[in-house]
Amino acid sequence: MLEFTLYYKDVLDYWGQQDKDYLIFSLSDEEWRNVTILCNFFKVFYDMTCVFFGSKYPMVNLYFRGVWEFHNVLVDTIKGPHSFLTLMVMQMQEKFNKY
């Protein structure tokens, strides 16, 4: 859904300028950047989930690569410059470490 939202960003912005009732739902440039960051963050998880469940018998090398990639994304995001993600990702990492 985030990818579709980004695809129609210009249309949504235009609609927000034309319709006063829609203006309260219009996003700022910073909010659009956050949507793009979230979309890129969640895409890694979506792609790996498709690999895990797209096969009847996922092999160990696919599983290990996916778990390793999940871990790296979590660690890099916590250390990264996007502070609005930090709390959510720290909670995700706690659950990841638990399992």
PDB file of N, CA and C in Angstrom:
ATOM      1  N   MET A   1       0.824  -1.186   0.000  1.00  0.00           N
ATOM      2  CA  MET A   1       0.000   0.000   0.000  1.00  0.00           C
ATOM      3  C   MET A   1       0.871   1.253   0.000  1.00  0.00           C
ATOM      4  N   LEU A   2       1.990   1.201   0.686  1.00  0.00           N
ATOM      5  CA  LEU A   2       2.867   2.363   0.701  1.00  0.00           C
ATOM      6  C   LEU A   2       3.436   2.638  -0.683  1.00  0.00           C
ATOM      7  N   GLU A   3       3.758   1.574  -1.424  1.00  0.00           N
ATOM      8  CA  GLU A   3       4.274   1.776  -2.781  1.00  0.00           C
ATOM      9  C   GLU A   3       3.236   2.459  -3.667  1.00  0.00           C
ATOM     10  N   PHE A   4       1.983   2.055  -3.542  1.00  0.00           N
ATOM     11  CA  PHE A   4       0.920   2.691  -4.325  1.00  0.00           C
ATOM     12  C   PHE A   4       0.726   4.148  -3.902  1.00  0.00           C
ATOM     13  N   THR A   5       0.847   4.401  -2.623  1.00  0.00           N
ATOM     14  CA  THR A   5       0.731   5.776  -2.129  1.00  0.00           C
ATOM     15  C   THR A   5       1.830   6.644  -2.723  1.00  0.00           C
ATOM     16  N   LEU A   6       3.050   6.115  -2.755  1.00  0.00           N
ATOM     17  CA  LEU A   6       4.156   6.874  -3.342  1.00  0.00           C
ATOM     18  C   LEU A   6       3.956   7.082  -4.841  1.00  0.00           C
ATOM     19  N   TYR A   7       3.401   6.085  -5.496  1.00  0.00           N
ATOM     20  CA  TYR A   7       3.144   6.184  -6.927  1.00  0.00           C
ATOM     21  C   TYR A   7       2.169   7.331  -7.224  1.00  0.00           C
ATOM     22  N   TYR A   8       1.176   7.504  -6.361  1.00  0.00           N
ATOM     23  CA  TYR A   8       0.155   8.530  -6.559  1.00  0.00           C
ATOM     24  C   TYR A   8       0.403   9.795  -5.739  1.00  0.00           C
ATOM     25  N   LYS A   9       1.634   9.999  -5.302  1.00  0.00           N
ATOM     26  CA  LYS A   9       1.974  11.159  -4.477  1.00  0.00           C
ATOM     27  C   LYS A   9       1.545  12.471  -5.119  1.00  0.00           C
ATOM     28  N   ASP A  10       1.871  12.657  -6.386  1.00  0.00           N
ATOM     29  CA  ASP A  10       1.541  13.915  -7.062  1.00  0.00           C
ATOM     30  C   ASP A  10       0.031  14.131  -7.134  1.00  0.00           C
ATOM     31  N   VAL A  11      -0.690  13.058  -7.396  1.00  0.00           N
ATOM     32  CA  VAL A  11      -2.151  13.158  -7.463  1.00  0.00           C
ATOM     33  C   VAL A  11      -2.723  13.514  -6.096  1.00  0.00           C
ATOM     34  N   LEU A  12      -2.225  12.870  -5.058  1.00  0.00           N
ATOM     35  CA  LEU A  12      -2.707  13.144  -3.706  1.00  0.00           C
ATOM     36  C   LEU A  12      -2.383  14.576  -3.274  1.00  0.00           C
ATOM     37  N   ASP A  13      -1.184  15.042  -3.622  1.00  0.00           N
ATOM     38  CA  ASP A  13      -0.828  16.422  -3.305  1.00  0.00           C
ATOM     39  C   ASP A  13      -1.723  17.409  -4.054  1.00  0.00           C
ATOM     40  N   TYR A  14      -1.963  17.139  -5.325  1.00  0.00           N
ATOM     41  CA  TYR A  14      -2.822  18.015  -6.121  1.00  0.00           C
ATOM     42  C   TYR A  14      -4.237  18.044  -5.553  1.00  0.00           C
ATOM     43  N   TRP A  15      -4.734  16.877  -5.186  1.00  0.00           N
ATOM     44  CA  TRP A  15      -6.081  16.784  -4.621  1.00  0.00           C
ATOM     45  C   TRP A  15      -6.177  17.582  -3.320  1.00  0.00           C
ATOM     46  N   GLY A  16      -5.111  17.518  -2.518  1.00  0.00           N
ATOM     47  CA  GLY A  16      -5.079  18.279  -1.269  1.00  0.00           C
ATOM     48  C   GLY A  16      -5.103  19.780  -1.502  1.00  0.00           C
ATOM     49  N   GLN A  17      -4.519  20.232  -2.617  1.00  0.00           N
ATOM     50  CA  GLN A  17      -4.529  21.660  -2.937  1.00  0.00           C
ATOM     51  C   GLN A  17      -5.884  22.109  -3.487  1.00  0.00           C
ATOM     52  N   GLN A  18      -6.601  21.207  -4.150  1.00  0.00           N
ATOM     53  CA  GLN A  18      -7.852  21.568  -4.806  1.00  0.00           C
ATOM     54  C   GLN A  18      -9.074  21.437  -3.905  1.00  0.00           C
ATOM     55  N   ASP A  19      -9.032  20.501  -2.986  1.00  0.00           N
ATOM     56  CA  ASP A  19     -10.198  20.218  -2.141  1.00  0.00           C
ATOM     57  C   ASP A  19      -9.873  20.584  -0.691  1.00  0.00           C
ATOM     58  N   LYS A  20     -10.534  21.581  -0.170  1.00  0.00           N
ATOM     59  CA  LYS A  20     -10.268  22.061   1.194  1.00  0.00           C
ATOM     60  C   LYS A  20     -10.583  20.988   2.245  1.00  0.00           C
ATOM     61  N   ASP A  21     -11.575  20.134   1.981  1.00  0.00           N
ATOM     62  CA  ASP A  21     -11.922  19.077   2.933  1.00  0.00           C
ATOM     63  C   ASP A  21     -10.807  18.031   3.032  1.00  0.00           C
ATOM     64  N   TYR A  22     -10.068  17.849   1.957  1.00  0.00           N
ATOM     65  CA  TYR A  22      -8.986  16.866   1.934  1.00  0.00           C
ATOM     66  C   TYR A  22      -7.704  17.420   2.555  1.00  0.00           C
ATOM     67  N   LEU A  23      -7.600  18.705   2.711  1.00  0.00           N
ATOM     68  CA  LEU A  23      -6.383  19.342   3.168  1.00  0.00           C
ATOM     69  C   LEU A  23      -5.873  18.780   4.499  1.00  0.00           C
ATOM     70  N   ILE A  24      -6.771  18.378   5.389  1.00  0.00           N
ATOM     71  CA  ILE A  24      -6.338  17.835   6.682  1.00  0.00           C
ATOM     72  C   ILE A  24      -5.630  16.483   6.530  1.00  0.00           C
ATOM     73  N   PHE A  25      -5.841  15.809   5.395  1.00  0.00           N
ATOM     74  CA  PHE A  25      -5.196  14.518   5.154  1.00  0.00           C
ATOM     75  C   PHE A  25      -3.943  14.650   4.294  1.00  0.00           C
ATOM     76  N   SER A  26      -3.641  15.837   3.844  1.00  0.00           N
ATOM     77  CA  SER A  26      -2.483  16.078   2.993  1.00  0.00           C
ATOM     78  C   SER A  26      -1.202  15.911   3.804  1.00  0.00           C
ATOM     79  N   LEU A  27      -0.162  15.358   3.168  1.00  0.00           N
ATOM     80  CA  LEU A  27       1.104  15.116   3.853  1.00  0.00           C
ATOM     81  C   LEU A  27       2.123  16.192   3.508  1.00  0.00           C
ATOM     82  N   SER A  28       2.960  16.516   4.471  1.00  0.00           N
ATOM     83  CA  SER A  28       4.050  17.470   4.237  1.00  0.00           C
ATOM     84  C   SER A  28       5.196  16.750   3.518  1.00  0.00           C
ATOM     85  N   ASP A  29       6.179  17.515   3.072  1.00  0.00           N
ATOM     86  CA  ASP A  29       7.338  16.909   2.408  1.00  0.00           C
ATOM     87  C   ASP A  29       8.093  15.970   3.345  1.00  0.00           C
ATOM     88  N   GLU A  30       8.203  16.345   4.605  1.00  0.00           N
ATOM     89  CA  GLU A  30       8.878  15.480   5.582  1.00  0.00           C
ATOM     90  C   GLU A  30       8.110  14.170   5.775  1.00  0.00           C
ATOM     91  N   GLU A  31       6.797  14.256   5.827  1.00  0.00           N
ATOM     92  CA  GLU A  31       5.987  13.043   5.974  1.00  0.00           C
ATOM     93  C   GLU A  31       6.110  12.145   4.746  1.00  0.00           C
ATOM     94  N   TRP A  32       6.199  12.735   3.557  1.00  0.00           N
ATOM     95  CA  TRP A  32       6.407  11.935   2.349  1.00  0.00           C
ATOM     96  C   TRP A  32       7.772  11.251   2.391  1.00  0.00           C
ATOM     97  N   ARG A  33       8.791  11.942   2.892  1.00  0.00           N
ATOM     98  CA  ARG A  33      10.112  11.308   3.030  1.00  0.00           C
ATOM     99  C   ARG A  33      10.037  10.134   4.006  1.00  0.00           C
ATOM    100  N   ASN A  34       9.292  10.301   5.094  1.00  0.00           N
ATOM    101  CA  ASN A  34       9.127   9.209   6.061  1.00  0.00           C
ATOM    102  C   ASN A  34       8.404   8.023   5.447  1.00  0.00           C
ATOM    103  N   VAL A  35       7.419   8.289   4.619  1.00  0.00           N
ATOM    104  CA  VAL A  35       6.703   7.203   3.932  1.00  0.00           C
ATOM    105  C   VAL A  35       7.670   6.446   3.021  1.00  0.00           C
ATOM    106  N   THR A  36       8.522   7.165   2.315  1.00  0.00           N
ATOM    107  CA  THR A  36       9.513   6.522   1.438  1.00  0.00           C
ATOM    108  C   THR A  36      10.481   5.672   2.247  1.00  0.00           C
ATOM    109  N   ILE A  37      10.938   6.183   3.370  1.00  0.00           N
ATOM    110  CA  ILE A  37      11.859   5.440   4.240  1.00  0.00           C
ATOM    111  C   ILE A  37      11.184   4.183   4.782  1.00  0.00           C
ATOM    112  N   LEU A  38       9.950   4.314   5.234  1.00  0.00           N
ATOM    113  CA  LEU A  38       9.210   3.152   5.730  1.00  0.00           C
ATOM    114  C   LEU A  38       9.003   2.113   4.641  1.00  0.00           C
ATOM    115  N   CYS A  39       8.684   2.574   3.461  1.00  0.00           N
ATOM    116  CA  CYS A  39       8.468   1.662   2.338  1.00  0.00           C
ATOM    117  C   CYS A  39       9.735   0.853   2.058  1.00  0.00           C
ATOM    118  N   ASN A  40      10.868   1.516   2.023  1.00  0.00           N
ATOM    119  CA  ASN A  40      12.140   0.819   1.795  1.00  0.00           C
ATOM    120  C   ASN A  40      12.479  -0.127   2.937  1.00  0.00           C
ATOM    121  N   PHE A  41      12.180   0.285   4.167  1.00  0.00           N
ATOM    122  CA  PHE A  41      12.443  -0.554   5.338  1.00  0.00           C
ATOM    123  C   PHE A  41      11.617  -1.841   5.284  1.00  0.00           C
ATOM    124  N   PHE A  42      10.320  -1.703   5.037  1.00  0.00           N
ATOM    125  CA  PHE A  42       9.445  -2.874   5.046  1.00  0.00           C
ATOM    126  C   PHE A  42       9.602  -3.750   3.808  1.00  0.00           C
ATOM    127  N   LYS A  43      10.139  -3.212   2.729  1.00  0.00           N
ATOM    128  CA  LYS A  43      10.314  -3.997   1.503  1.00  0.00           C
ATOM    129  C   LYS A  43      11.254  -5.176   1.729  1.00  0.00           C
ATOM    130  N   VAL A  44      12.289  -4.972   2.526  1.00  0.00           N
ATOM    131  CA  VAL A  44      13.224  -6.064   2.828  1.00  0.00           C
ATOM    132  C   VAL A  44      12.489  -7.221   3.491  1.00  0.00           C
ATOM    133  N   PHE A  45      11.619  -6.909   4.448  1.00  0.00           N
ATOM    134  CA  PHE A  45      10.871  -7.944   5.156  1.00  0.00           C
ATOM    135  C   PHE A  45       9.858  -8.620   4.230  1.00  0.00           C
ATOM    136  N   TYR A  46       9.218  -7.844   3.390  1.00  0.00           N
ATOM    137  CA  TYR A  46       8.258  -8.399   2.437  1.00  0.00           C
ATOM    138  C   TYR A  46       8.955  -9.354   1.464  1.00  0.00           C
ATOM    139  N   ASP A  47      10.086  -8.927   0.916  1.00  0.00           N
ATOM    140  CA  ASP A  47      10.803  -9.763  -0.057  1.00  0.00           C
ATOM    141  C   ASP A  47      11.253 -11.082   0.562  1.00  0.00           C
ATOM    142  N   MET A  48      11.790 -11.028   1.775  1.00  0.00           N
ATOM    143  CA  MET A  48      12.236 -12.261   2.413  1.00  0.00           C
ATOM    144  C   MET A  48      11.058 -13.162   2.796  1.00  0.00           C
ATOM    145  N   THR A  49       9.966 -12.577   3.205  1.00  0.00           N
ATOM    146  CA  THR A  49       8.773 -13.364   3.518  1.00  0.00           C
ATOM    147  C   THR A  49       8.289 -14.092   2.272  1.00  0.00           C
ATOM    148  N   CYS A  50       8.337 -13.434   1.133  1.00  0.00           N
ATOM    149  CA  CYS A  50       7.948 -14.077  -0.124  1.00  0.00           C
ATOM    150  C   CYS A  50       8.876 -15.245  -0.451  1.00  0.00           C
ATOM    151  N   VAL A  51      10.163 -15.097  -0.160  1.00  0.00           N
ATOM    152  CA  VAL A  51      11.113 -16.192  -0.400  1.00  0.00           C
ATOM    153  C   VAL A  51      10.796 -17.360   0.524  1.00  0.00           C
ATOM    154  N   PHE A  52      10.545 -17.081   1.805  1.00  0.00           N
ATOM    155  CA  PHE A  52      10.271 -18.155   2.759  1.00  0.00           C
ATOM    156  C   PHE A  52       8.998 -18.920   2.410  1.00  0.00           C
ATOM    157  N   PHE A  53       7.954 -18.207   2.060  1.00  0.00           N
ATOM    158  CA  PHE A  53       6.668 -18.852   1.835  1.00  0.00           C
ATOM    159  C   PHE A  53       6.382 -19.134   0.371  1.00  0.00           C
ATOM    160  N   GLY A  54       7.288 -18.734  -0.513  1.00  0.00           N
ATOM    161  CA  GLY A  54       7.100 -18.986  -1.938  1.00  0.00           C
ATOM    162  C   GLY A  54       7.573 -20.366  -2.351  1.00  0.00           C
ATOM    163  N   SER A  55       8.155 -21.078  -1.450  1.00  0.00           N
ATOM    164  CA  SER A  55       8.682 -22.403  -1.735  1.00  0.00           C
ATOM    165  C   SER A  55       8.070 -23.393  -0.753  1.00  0.00           C
ATOM    166  N   LYS A  56       7.821 -24.610  -1.241  1.00  0.00           N
ATOM    167  CA  LYS A  56       7.268 -25.623  -0.332  1.00  0.00           C
ATOM    168  C   LYS A  56       8.299 -26.041   0.704  1.00  0.00           C
ATOM    169  N   TYR A  57       9.553 -26.041   0.296  1.00  0.00           N
ATOM    170  CA  TYR A  57      10.618 -26.475   1.192  1.00  0.00           C
ATOM    171  C   TYR A  57      11.775 -25.475   1.138  1.00  0.00           C
ATOM    172  N   PRO A  58      11.696 -24.390   1.914  1.00  0.00           N
ATOM    173  CA  PRO A  58      12.804 -23.424   1.883  1.00  0.00           C
ATOM    174  C   PRO A  58      14.083 -24.074   2.402  1.00  0.00           C
ATOM    175  N   MET A  59      15.144 -23.897   1.675  1.00  0.00           N
ATOM    176  CA  MET A  59      16.418 -24.499   2.041  1.00  0.00           C
ATOM    177  C   MET A  59      17.075 -23.681   3.154  1.00  0.00           C
ATOM    178  N   VAL A  60      17.985 -24.312   3.857  1.00  0.00           N
ATOM    179  CA  VAL A  60      18.665 -23.685   4.985  1.00  0.00           C
ATOM    180  C   VAL A  60      19.414 -22.434   4.536  1.00  0.00           C
ATOM    181  N   ASN A  61      20.035 -22.477   3.363  1.00  0.00           N
ATOM    182  CA  ASN A  61      20.796 -21.312   2.918  1.00  0.00           C
ATOM    183  C   ASN A  61      19.876 -20.113   2.669  1.00  0.00           C
ATOM    184  N   LEU A  62      18.656 -20.335   2.192  1.00  0.00           N
ATOM    185  CA  LEU A  62      17.708 -19.246   2.010  1.00  0.00           C
ATOM    186  C   LEU A  62      17.246 -18.708   3.363  1.00  0.00           C
ATOM    187  N   TYR A  63      16.994 -19.624   4.280  1.00  0.00           N
ATOM    188  CA  TYR A  63      16.548 -19.222   5.608  1.00  0.00           C
ATOM    189  C   TYR A  63      17.623 -18.420   6.324  1.00  0.00           C
ATOM    190  N   PHE A  64      18.850 -18.918   6.314  1.00  0.00           N
ATOM    191  CA  PHE A  64      19.944 -18.223   6.996  1.00  0.00           C
ATOM    192  C   PHE A  64      20.162 -16.837   6.397  1.00  0.00           C
ATOM    193  N   ARG A  65      20.157 -16.759   5.073  1.00  0.00           N
ATOM    194  CA  ARG A  65      20.355 -15.466   4.410  1.00  0.00           C
ATOM    195  C   ARG A  65      19.253 -14.490   4.806  1.00  0.00           C
ATOM    196  N   GLY A  66      18.020 -14.957   4.863  1.00  0.00           N
ATOM    197  CA  GLY A  66      16.905 -14.090   5.236  1.00  0.00           C
ATOM    198  C   GLY A  66      16.993 -13.603   6.666  1.00  0.00           C
ATOM    199  N   VAL A  67      17.294 -14.488   7.583  1.00  0.00           N
ATOM    200  CA  VAL A  67      17.417 -14.111   8.996  1.00  0.00           C
ATOM    201  C   VAL A  67      18.587 -13.154   9.181  1.00  0.00           C
ATOM    202  N   TRP A  68      19.695 -13.433   8.502  1.00  0.00           N
ATOM    203  CA  TRP A  68      20.857 -12.552   8.574  1.00  0.00           C
ATOM    204  C   TRP A  68      20.516 -11.164   8.031  1.00  0.00           C
ATOM    205  N   GLU A  69      19.781 -11.124   6.922  1.00  0.00           N
ATOM    206  CA  GLU A  69      19.401  -9.842   6.331  1.00  0.00           C
ATOM    207  C   GLU A  69      18.447  -9.078   7.255  1.00  0.00           C
ATOM    208  N   PHE A  70      17.477  -9.790   7.852  1.00  0.00           N
ATOM    209  CA  PHE A  70      16.583  -9.147   8.828  1.00  0.00           C
ATOM    210  C   PHE A  70      17.394  -8.507   9.952  1.00  0.00           C
ATOM    211  N   HIS A  71      18.323  -9.283  10.500  1.00  0.00           N
ATOM    212  CA  HIS A  71      19.143  -8.793  11.606  1.00  0.00           C
ATOM    213  C   HIS A  71      19.930  -7.549  11.200  1.00  0.00           C
ATOM    214  N   ASN A  72      20.563  -7.587  10.039  1.00  0.00           N
ATOM    215  CA  ASN A  72      21.348  -6.436   9.581  1.00  0.00           C
ATOM    216  C   ASN A  72      20.489  -5.198   9.370  1.00  0.00           C
ATOM    217  N   VAL A  73      19.310  -5.369   8.833  1.00  0.00           N
ATOM    218  CA  VAL A  73      18.416  -4.229   8.619  1.00  0.00           C
ATOM    219  C   VAL A  73      18.021  -3.620   9.960  1.00  0.00           C
ATOM    220  N   LEU A  74      17.717  -4.459  10.926  1.00  0.00           N
ATOM    221  CA  LEU A  74      17.345  -3.949  12.250  1.00  0.00           C
ATOM    222  C   LEU A  74      18.495  -3.171  12.889  1.00  0.00           C
ATOM    223  N   VAL A  75      19.684  -3.747  12.874  1.00  0.00           N
ATOM    224  CA  VAL A  75      20.844  -3.095  13.490  1.00  0.00           C
ATOM    225  C   VAL A  75      21.179  -1.795  12.760  1.00  0.00           C
ATOM    226  N   ASP A  76      21.205  -1.834  11.436  1.00  0.00           N
ATOM    227  CA  ASP A  76      21.539  -0.631  10.660  1.00  0.00           C
ATOM    228  C   ASP A  76      20.508   0.473  10.853  1.00  0.00           C
ATOM    229  N   THR A  77      19.248   0.096  10.996  1.00  0.00           N
ATOM    230  CA  THR A  77      18.202   1.097  11.180  1.00  0.00           C
ATOM    231  C   THR A  77      18.301   1.751  12.549  1.00  0.00           C
ATOM    232  N   ILE A  78      18.614   0.980  13.561  1.00  0.00           N
ATOM    233  CA  ILE A  78      18.776   1.552  14.905  1.00  0.00           C
ATOM    234  C   ILE A  78      19.944   2.533  14.924  1.00  0.00           C
ATOM    235  N   LYS A  79      21.022   2.201  14.235  1.00  0.00           N
ATOM    236  CA  LYS A  79      22.202   3.069  14.194  1.00  0.00           C
ATOM    237  C   LYS A  79      22.045   4.204  13.194  1.00  0.00           C
ATOM    238  N   GLY A  80      21.041   4.113  12.336  1.00  0.00           N
ATOM    239  CA  GLY A  80      20.883   5.065  11.248  1.00  0.00           C
ATOM    240  C   GLY A  80      20.338   6.418  11.670  1.00  0.00           C
ATOM    241  N   PRO A  81      20.179   7.297  10.689  1.00  0.00           N
ATOM    242  CA  PRO A  81      19.796   8.681  10.975  1.00  0.00           C
ATOM    243  C   PRO A  81      18.294   8.923  11.153  1.00  0.00           C
ATOM    244  N   HIS A  82      17.481   7.887  10.999  1.00  0.00           N
ATOM    245  CA  HIS A  82      16.028   8.068  11.023  1.00  0.00           C
ATOM    246  C   HIS A  82      15.474   7.797  12.423  1.00  0.00           C
ATOM    247  N   SER A  83      15.426   8.823  13.225  1.00  0.00           N
ATOM    248  CA  SER A  83      15.052   8.677  14.627  1.00  0.00           C
ATOM    249  C   SER A  83      13.592   8.260  14.812  1.00  0.00           C
ATOM    250  N   PHE A  84      12.731   8.559  13.843  1.00  0.00           N
ATOM    251  CA  PHE A  84      11.331   8.187  14.005  1.00  0.00           C
ATOM    252  C   PHE A  84      11.130   6.670  13.953  1.00  0.00           C
ATOM    253  N   LEU A  85      12.117   5.933  13.459  1.00  0.00           N
ATOM    254  CA  LEU A  85      12.021   4.468  13.390  1.00  0.00           C
ATOM    255  C   LEU A  85      12.650   3.772  14.596  1.00  0.00           C
ATOM    256  N   THR A  86      13.471   4.453  15.332  1.00  0.00           N
ATOM    257  CA  THR A  86      14.314   3.817  16.348  1.00  0.00           C
ATOM    258  C   THR A  86      13.522   3.017  17.377  1.00  0.00           C
ATOM    259  N   LEU A  87      12.504   3.597  17.977  1.00  0.00           N
ATOM    260  CA  LEU A  87      11.750   2.895  19.017  1.00  0.00           C
ATOM    261  C   LEU A  87      11.072   1.637  18.467  1.00  0.00           C
ATOM    262  N   MET A  88      10.432   1.760  17.313  1.00  0.00           N
ATOM    263  CA  MET A  88       9.757   0.619  16.711  1.00  0.00           C
ATOM    264  C   MET A  88      10.750  -0.491  16.394  1.00  0.00           C
ATOM    265  N   VAL A  89      11.892  -0.131  15.833  1.00  0.00           N
ATOM    266  CA  VAL A  89      12.883  -1.130  15.432  1.00  0.00           C
ATOM    267  C   VAL A  89      13.538  -1.767  16.646  1.00  0.00           C
ATOM    268  N   MET A  90      13.729  -1.011  17.712  1.00  0.00           N
ATOM    269  CA  MET A  90      14.277  -1.594  18.942  1.00  0.00           C
ATOM    270  C   MET A  90      13.333  -2.660  19.499  1.00  0.00           C
ATOM    271  N   GLN A  91      12.034  -2.408  19.444  1.00  0.00           N
ATOM    272  CA  GLN A  91      11.059  -3.401  19.890  1.00  0.00           C
ATOM    273  C   GLN A  91      11.070  -4.618  18.969  1.00  0.00           C
ATOM    274  N   MET A  92      11.222  -4.384  17.673  1.00  0.00           N
ATOM    275  CA  MET A  92      11.318  -5.500  16.727  1.00  0.00           C
ATOM    276  C   MET A  92      12.561  -6.333  17.013  1.00  0.00           C
ATOM    277  N   GLN A  93      13.666  -5.662  17.325  1.00  0.00           N
ATOM    278  CA  GLN A  93      14.906  -6.378  17.590  1.00  0.00           C
ATOM    279  C   GLN A  93      14.813  -7.203  18.880  1.00  0.00           C
ATOM    280  N   GLU A  94      14.129  -6.692  19.884  1.00  0.00           N
ATOM    281  CA  GLU A  94      13.926  -7.469  21.113  1.00  0.00           C
ATOM    282  C   GLU A  94      13.207  -8.786  20.803  1.00  0.00           C
ATOM    283  N   LYS A  95      12.160  -8.703  20.015  1.00  0.00           N
ATOM    284  CA  LYS A  95      11.436  -9.937  19.652  1.00  0.00           C
ATOM    285  C   LYS A  95      12.278 -10.831  18.766  1.00  0.00           C
ATOM    286  N   PHE A  96      13.031 -10.255  17.872  1.00  0.00           N
ATOM    287  CA  PHE A  96      13.936 -11.026  17.015  1.00  0.00           C
ATOM    288  C   PHE A  96      14.943 -11.783  17.861  1.00  0.00           C
ATOM    289  N   ASN A  97      15.564 -11.088  18.812  1.00  0.00           N
ATOM    290  CA  ASN A  97      16.566 -11.719  19.677  1.00  0.00           C
ATOM    291  C   ASN A  97      15.976 -12.807  20.552  1.00  0.00           C
ATOM    292  N   LYS A  98      14.712 -12.642  20.919  1.00  0.00           N
ATOM    293  CA  LYS A  98      14.035 -13.639  21.751  1.00  0.00           C
ATOM    294  C   LYS A  98      13.928 -14.984  21.025  1.00  0.00           C
ATOM    295  N   TYR A  99      13.678 -14.914  19.729  1.00  0.00           N
ATOM    296  CA  TYR A  99      13.491 -16.150  18.961  1.00  0.00           C
ATOM    297  C   TYR A  99      14.762 -16.586  18.290  1.00  0.00           C
TER     298      TYR A  99
END
